[in-house]
N, C-alpha and C. Protein backbone atom coordinates (compact mmCIF):
# COMPACT_ATOMS: atom_id res chain seq x y z
N MET A 1 61.91 45.78 100.42
CA MET A 1 61.90 47.09 100.99
C MET A 1 60.93 47.83 100.04
N SER A 2 59.90 48.38 100.31
CA SER A 2 59.02 49.20 99.72
C SER A 2 59.77 50.45 98.93
N ALA A 3 59.03 51.09 98.00
CA ALA A 3 59.69 52.09 97.28
C ALA A 3 59.56 53.34 98.20
N GLN A 4 58.68 53.52 99.15
CA GLN A 4 58.69 54.35 100.15
C GLN A 4 59.60 54.23 101.22
N GLU A 5 59.97 53.20 101.54
CA GLU A 5 61.06 52.84 102.48
C GLU A 5 62.39 53.11 102.01
N ARG A 6 62.60 52.83 100.67
CA ARG A 6 63.81 53.17 99.79
C ARG A 6 64.02 54.76 99.77
N THR A 7 62.83 55.44 99.49
CA THR A 7 62.91 56.94 99.47
C THR A 7 63.22 57.58 100.83
N LEU A 8 62.73 57.05 101.93
CA LEU A 8 62.91 57.77 103.14
C LEU A 8 64.30 57.29 103.52
N HIS A 9 65.03 56.36 103.18
CA HIS A 9 66.33 55.84 103.51
C HIS A 9 67.05 56.88 102.65
N ALA A 10 66.84 57.15 101.53
CA ALA A 10 67.62 57.98 100.73
C ALA A 10 67.60 59.36 101.21
N ILE A 11 66.58 59.86 101.38
CA ILE A 11 66.31 61.20 102.07
C ILE A 11 66.95 61.08 103.45
N ARG A 12 66.98 60.23 104.30
CA ARG A 12 67.89 60.17 105.50
C ARG A 12 69.20 60.26 105.36
N HIS A 13 69.78 59.66 104.51
CA HIS A 13 71.15 59.68 104.09
C HIS A 13 71.47 61.25 103.71
N ALA A 14 70.66 61.74 102.68
CA ALA A 14 71.05 63.08 102.26
C ALA A 14 71.13 64.17 103.50
N VAL A 15 70.15 63.93 104.27
CA VAL A 15 70.05 64.56 105.58
C VAL A 15 71.39 64.80 106.39
N ILE A 16 71.85 63.57 106.77
CA ILE A 16 72.98 63.05 107.32
C ILE A 16 74.20 63.83 106.73
N GLY A 17 74.01 63.62 105.31
CA GLY A 17 75.31 64.22 104.66
C GLY A 17 75.44 65.72 104.60
N GLN A 18 74.08 66.28 104.78
CA GLN A 18 74.12 67.80 105.06
C GLN A 18 74.53 68.13 106.36
N ILE A 19 73.97 67.35 107.30
CA ILE A 19 74.64 67.69 108.67
C ILE A 19 76.18 67.81 108.79
N TRP A 20 76.87 66.57 108.06
CA TRP A 20 78.20 66.48 108.13
C TRP A 20 78.89 67.61 107.38
N LEU A 21 78.19 68.11 106.23
CA LEU A 21 78.83 69.16 105.56
C LEU A 21 78.73 70.44 106.54
N LEU A 22 77.70 70.69 107.22
CA LEU A 22 77.56 72.01 107.97
C LEU A 22 78.64 71.84 109.23
N ALA A 23 78.95 70.66 109.52
CA ALA A 23 79.99 70.48 110.56
C ALA A 23 81.42 70.93 109.97
N THR A 24 81.50 70.71 108.70
CA THR A 24 82.87 71.16 108.26
C THR A 24 83.10 72.75 108.32
N ARG A 25 81.98 73.41 108.33
CA ARG A 25 82.08 75.07 108.42
C ARG A 25 82.08 75.45 110.02
N ILE A 26 82.30 74.35 110.86
CA ILE A 26 82.51 74.95 112.38
C ILE A 26 83.97 75.40 112.45
N PRO A 27 84.17 76.84 112.84
CA PRO A 27 85.16 77.45 113.03
C PRO A 27 86.38 76.69 113.68
N TYR A 28 87.41 76.75 113.55
CA TYR A 28 88.64 76.16 114.58
C TYR A 28 88.73 77.04 116.02
N PHE A 29 88.82 76.17 116.67
CA PHE A 29 88.83 77.01 118.17
C PHE A 29 89.99 76.21 119.13
N SER A 30 90.23 76.91 119.78
CA SER A 30 91.53 76.16 120.84
C SER A 30 90.74 75.39 121.67
N PRO A 31 91.39 74.17 122.06
CA PRO A 31 90.72 73.08 122.94
C PRO A 31 90.08 73.80 124.55
N ARG A 32 89.07 73.44 124.68
CA ARG A 32 88.61 73.96 126.10
C ARG A 32 87.63 72.75 126.60
N ASN A 33 87.70 72.70 127.95
CA ASN A 33 86.97 71.98 128.75
C ASN A 33 86.91 70.36 128.11
N ASP A 34 88.08 69.83 127.98
CA ASP A 34 88.21 68.58 127.48
C ASP A 34 87.79 68.34 126.21
N ILE A 35 87.52 69.25 125.26
CA ILE A 35 86.96 68.81 124.05
C ILE A 35 87.87 69.74 122.89
N ASN A 36 88.17 69.44 121.90
CA ASN A 36 88.78 70.15 120.67
C ASN A 36 87.98 69.76 119.38
N ARG A 37 88.33 70.60 118.49
CA ARG A 37 87.55 70.33 116.98
C ARG A 37 87.31 68.80 116.79
N GLU A 38 88.44 68.29 116.71
CA GLU A 38 88.41 66.86 116.27
C GLU A 38 87.49 65.90 116.95
N ALA A 39 87.62 66.01 118.33
CA ALA A 39 86.54 65.18 119.21
C ALA A 39 85.14 65.59 118.78
N LEU A 40 84.89 67.01 118.65
CA LEU A 40 83.37 67.54 118.32
C LEU A 40 83.09 67.14 116.99
N LEU A 41 84.08 66.73 115.83
CA LEU A 41 83.71 66.33 114.92
C LEU A 41 83.36 64.79 114.84
N ARG A 42 84.14 63.99 115.76
CA ARG A 42 83.59 62.89 115.89
C ARG A 42 82.27 62.64 116.48
N LEU A 43 81.75 63.32 117.33
CA LEU A 43 80.46 63.42 117.96
C LEU A 43 79.48 63.70 116.91
N VAL A 44 79.79 64.49 115.86
CA VAL A 44 78.98 64.63 114.81
C VAL A 44 78.76 63.64 113.81
N LEU A 45 80.00 63.00 113.75
CA LEU A 45 79.76 61.71 112.83
C LEU A 45 79.08 60.67 113.47
N GLN A 46 79.07 60.74 114.93
CA GLN A 46 78.16 59.55 115.60
C GLN A 46 76.75 60.15 115.80
N LEU A 47 76.49 61.34 115.12
CA LEU A 47 75.18 61.92 115.37
C LEU A 47 74.68 62.21 116.86
N GLU A 48 75.66 62.71 117.41
CA GLU A 48 75.40 63.01 118.74
C GLU A 48 75.13 64.68 118.71
N ILE A 49 74.22 65.00 118.01
CA ILE A 49 73.93 66.55 117.49
C ILE A 49 73.59 67.46 118.75
N PRO A 50 72.44 66.87 119.60
CA PRO A 50 72.39 67.77 120.68
C PRO A 50 73.57 68.00 121.69
N ALA A 51 74.27 67.15 121.78
CA ALA A 51 75.53 67.21 122.76
C ALA A 51 76.35 68.26 121.95
N VAL A 52 76.48 68.20 120.75
CA VAL A 52 77.43 69.01 120.04
C VAL A 52 77.06 70.36 120.13
N LEU A 53 75.54 70.55 119.86
CA LEU A 53 75.05 71.89 119.66
C LEU A 53 75.20 72.65 121.12
N LYS A 54 74.92 71.79 122.19
CA LYS A 54 75.18 72.30 123.46
C LYS A 54 76.71 72.87 123.78
N ARG A 55 77.74 72.11 123.34
CA ARG A 55 78.97 72.52 123.30
C ARG A 55 79.33 73.79 122.31
N LEU A 56 78.78 73.66 121.28
CA LEU A 56 78.84 74.85 120.32
C LEU A 56 78.43 75.92 121.09
N SER A 57 77.35 76.02 121.62
CA SER A 57 76.74 77.50 122.19
C SER A 57 77.67 77.64 123.14
N GLU A 58 78.27 76.92 124.22
CA GLU A 58 79.32 77.30 125.12
C GLU A 58 80.48 77.78 124.46
N ILE A 59 80.84 77.49 123.56
CA ILE A 59 82.28 77.88 122.73
C ILE A 59 82.14 79.05 121.96
N PHE A 60 80.95 78.98 121.37
CA PHE A 60 80.82 80.30 120.54
C PHE A 60 79.19 80.83 120.85
N PRO A 61 79.30 81.59 121.77
CA PRO A 61 78.19 82.27 122.45
C PRO A 61 77.40 83.06 121.56
N GLN A 62 76.26 83.02 121.31
CA GLN A 62 75.63 84.02 120.26
C GLN A 62 75.64 85.64 120.42
N SER A 63 75.85 85.84 121.78
CA SER A 63 76.13 87.30 122.08
C SER A 63 77.26 87.49 123.08
N ALA A 64 78.31 88.28 122.66
CA ALA A 64 79.38 88.57 123.57
C ALA A 64 78.92 89.39 124.85
N GLY A 65 79.57 89.03 125.88
CA GLY A 65 79.45 89.80 127.01
C GLY A 65 80.20 91.31 126.84
N VAL A 66 79.50 92.17 127.66
CA VAL A 66 79.99 93.54 127.43
C VAL A 66 80.28 93.82 128.86
N VAL A 67 81.62 94.28 128.80
CA VAL A 67 82.42 94.79 130.15
C VAL A 67 82.20 96.26 130.24
N THR A 68 80.90 96.69 130.56
CA THR A 68 80.71 98.16 130.70
C THR A 68 81.00 98.69 131.93
N ASP A 69 80.96 97.54 132.91
CA ASP A 69 81.04 98.07 134.45
C ASP A 69 82.51 98.48 134.79
N LEU A 70 83.21 97.79 134.06
CA LEU A 70 84.89 98.11 134.43
C LEU A 70 85.25 99.23 133.90
N ASP A 71 86.12 100.07 134.71
CA ASP A 71 86.73 101.44 134.31
C ASP A 71 88.29 100.99 134.27
N PHE A 72 88.75 101.07 132.93
CA PHE A 72 89.98 100.71 132.74
C PHE A 72 91.09 102.10 132.74
N HIS A 73 90.23 103.38 133.25
CA HIS A 73 90.91 104.59 133.12
C HIS A 73 91.57 105.02 131.75
N GLU A 74 91.15 104.54 130.60
CA GLU A 74 91.39 104.79 129.37
C GLU A 74 89.99 104.84 128.54
N PRO A 75 90.06 105.49 127.11
CA PRO A 75 89.11 105.61 126.36
C PRO A 75 88.73 104.14 126.00
N SER A 76 87.45 103.76 125.69
CA SER A 76 87.13 102.47 125.27
C SER A 76 87.19 102.64 123.45
N GLY A 77 87.68 101.58 122.90
CA GLY A 77 87.63 101.21 121.51
C GLY A 77 86.24 100.94 121.05
N PRO A 78 86.16 100.66 119.83
CA PRO A 78 84.85 100.27 119.29
C PRO A 78 84.63 98.92 119.92
N ARG A 79 83.19 98.74 120.11
CA ARG A 79 82.95 97.33 120.60
C ARG A 79 82.31 96.46 119.68
N ASP A 80 82.43 95.50 119.47
CA ASP A 80 81.63 94.28 118.63
C ASP A 80 81.06 93.35 119.71
N ASP A 81 79.50 93.67 119.96
CA ASP A 81 78.95 92.82 120.85
C ASP A 81 78.19 91.84 120.03
N HIS A 82 78.53 91.66 118.80
CA HIS A 82 77.37 90.80 118.07
C HIS A 82 77.89 89.21 118.40
N GLY A 83 78.90 88.86 119.14
CA GLY A 83 79.37 87.52 119.22
C GLY A 83 79.18 86.78 118.05
N PHE A 84 78.78 85.43 118.08
CA PHE A 84 78.95 84.43 117.01
C PHE A 84 77.53 84.37 116.39
N THR A 85 76.98 85.59 116.09
CA THR A 85 75.49 85.40 115.44
C THR A 85 75.49 84.48 114.25
N ARG A 86 76.37 84.94 113.27
CA ARG A 86 76.38 84.53 112.11
C ARG A 86 76.68 82.73 112.16
N GLU A 87 77.71 82.55 112.85
CA GLU A 87 77.64 80.85 113.11
C GLU A 87 76.55 80.13 113.61
N HIS A 88 75.57 80.81 114.48
CA HIS A 88 74.45 80.19 114.83
C HIS A 88 73.53 80.16 113.87
N GLU A 89 73.30 81.32 113.18
CA GLU A 89 72.41 81.21 112.17
C GLU A 89 72.58 80.46 110.89
N GLU A 90 73.76 80.28 110.45
CA GLU A 90 74.25 79.64 109.34
C GLU A 90 74.83 78.34 109.43
N ILE A 91 74.99 77.86 110.61
CA ILE A 91 75.66 76.43 110.82
C ILE A 91 74.75 75.80 111.89
N PHE A 92 74.64 76.49 113.05
CA PHE A 92 74.14 75.62 114.22
C PHE A 92 72.58 75.52 114.12
N ALA A 93 71.94 76.60 113.87
CA ALA A 93 70.39 76.65 113.76
C ALA A 93 70.00 75.46 112.65
N PRO A 94 70.62 75.45 111.42
CA PRO A 94 70.32 74.67 110.41
C PRO A 94 70.70 72.99 110.82
N MET A 95 71.63 73.05 111.38
CA MET A 95 72.15 71.66 112.05
C MET A 95 71.11 71.03 112.83
N ALA A 96 70.47 71.81 113.88
CA ALA A 96 69.53 71.48 114.82
C ALA A 96 68.12 71.36 113.97
N ARG A 97 67.82 72.02 113.19
CA ARG A 97 66.56 71.76 112.10
C ARG A 97 66.63 70.51 111.41
N LEU A 98 67.96 70.28 110.78
CA LEU A 98 68.11 68.91 110.12
C LEU A 98 68.24 67.74 110.96
N PHE A 99 68.71 67.90 112.16
CA PHE A 99 68.53 66.76 113.05
C PHE A 99 67.03 66.49 113.53
N GLY A 100 66.25 67.51 113.85
CA GLY A 100 64.83 67.11 113.90
C GLY A 100 64.16 66.43 112.62
N VAL A 101 64.49 66.93 111.64
CA VAL A 101 64.18 66.13 110.51
C VAL A 101 64.59 64.76 110.41
N LEU A 102 65.80 64.52 110.73
CA LEU A 102 66.54 63.31 110.63
C LEU A 102 65.91 62.29 111.79
N ARG A 103 65.21 62.89 112.84
CA ARG A 103 64.49 62.06 113.79
C ARG A 103 63.07 61.75 113.37
N GLU A 104 62.50 62.85 112.53
CA GLU A 104 61.13 62.33 112.20
C GLU A 104 61.39 61.26 110.95
N ILE A 105 62.33 61.32 110.19
CA ILE A 105 62.37 60.42 109.06
C ILE A 105 62.69 58.88 109.77
N SER A 106 63.61 58.97 110.55
CA SER A 106 63.71 57.76 111.38
C SER A 106 62.73 57.00 111.90
N VAL A 107 61.82 58.00 112.55
CA VAL A 107 60.65 57.47 113.26
C VAL A 107 59.44 56.86 112.07
N ALA A 108 59.59 57.62 110.84
CA ALA A 108 58.82 57.09 109.88
C ALA A 108 59.19 55.74 109.30
N ILE A 109 60.56 55.62 109.38
CA ILE A 109 61.33 54.49 108.84
C ILE A 109 60.81 53.14 110.05
N MET A 110 60.77 53.57 111.26
CA MET A 110 60.54 52.54 112.08
C MET A 110 59.04 52.01 111.99
N HIS A 111 58.02 53.02 111.86
CA HIS A 111 56.74 52.65 111.52
C HIS A 111 56.56 51.82 110.24
N ALA A 112 57.32 52.19 109.31
CA ALA A 112 57.24 51.47 108.02
C ALA A 112 57.69 49.98 108.15
N ASN A 113 58.56 49.72 109.09
CA ASN A 113 59.04 48.36 109.21
C ASN A 113 58.22 47.72 110.64
N GLY A 114 57.33 48.51 111.18
CA GLY A 114 56.58 47.93 112.55
C GLY A 114 57.47 47.96 113.52
N SER A 115 58.51 48.76 113.68
CA SER A 115 59.33 48.51 114.74
C SER A 115 59.04 49.84 115.91
N PHE A 116 58.45 49.11 116.96
CA PHE A 116 58.13 50.17 118.08
C PHE A 116 58.82 49.64 119.33
N GLY A 117 59.07 50.84 120.06
CA GLY A 117 59.54 50.61 121.47
C GLY A 117 61.15 50.34 121.53
């Protein structure tokens, strides 16, 4: 294996490690729609990141829905309509970017080995 290939493999392993570390920061949540946190982490370990990110965006919406149309006949309290913005910015978006880098490195490794198709 050439030095370039070894370097690409080392970087690829580091990127995978970073994805897994980010996954440990996923907040705990109650089981929903046949998935719980442990099953989600298993998908991360299998590098099924697009499926994980889709589920995470459903479980942790970036902006919470506001119920301004409903009249409960009492004064409303302070509203926090920020949703899970911090989780998206600090966990989910970096995970998506790292997975994109991982794919690019994998393609570079395939090209270095002459593996196409």
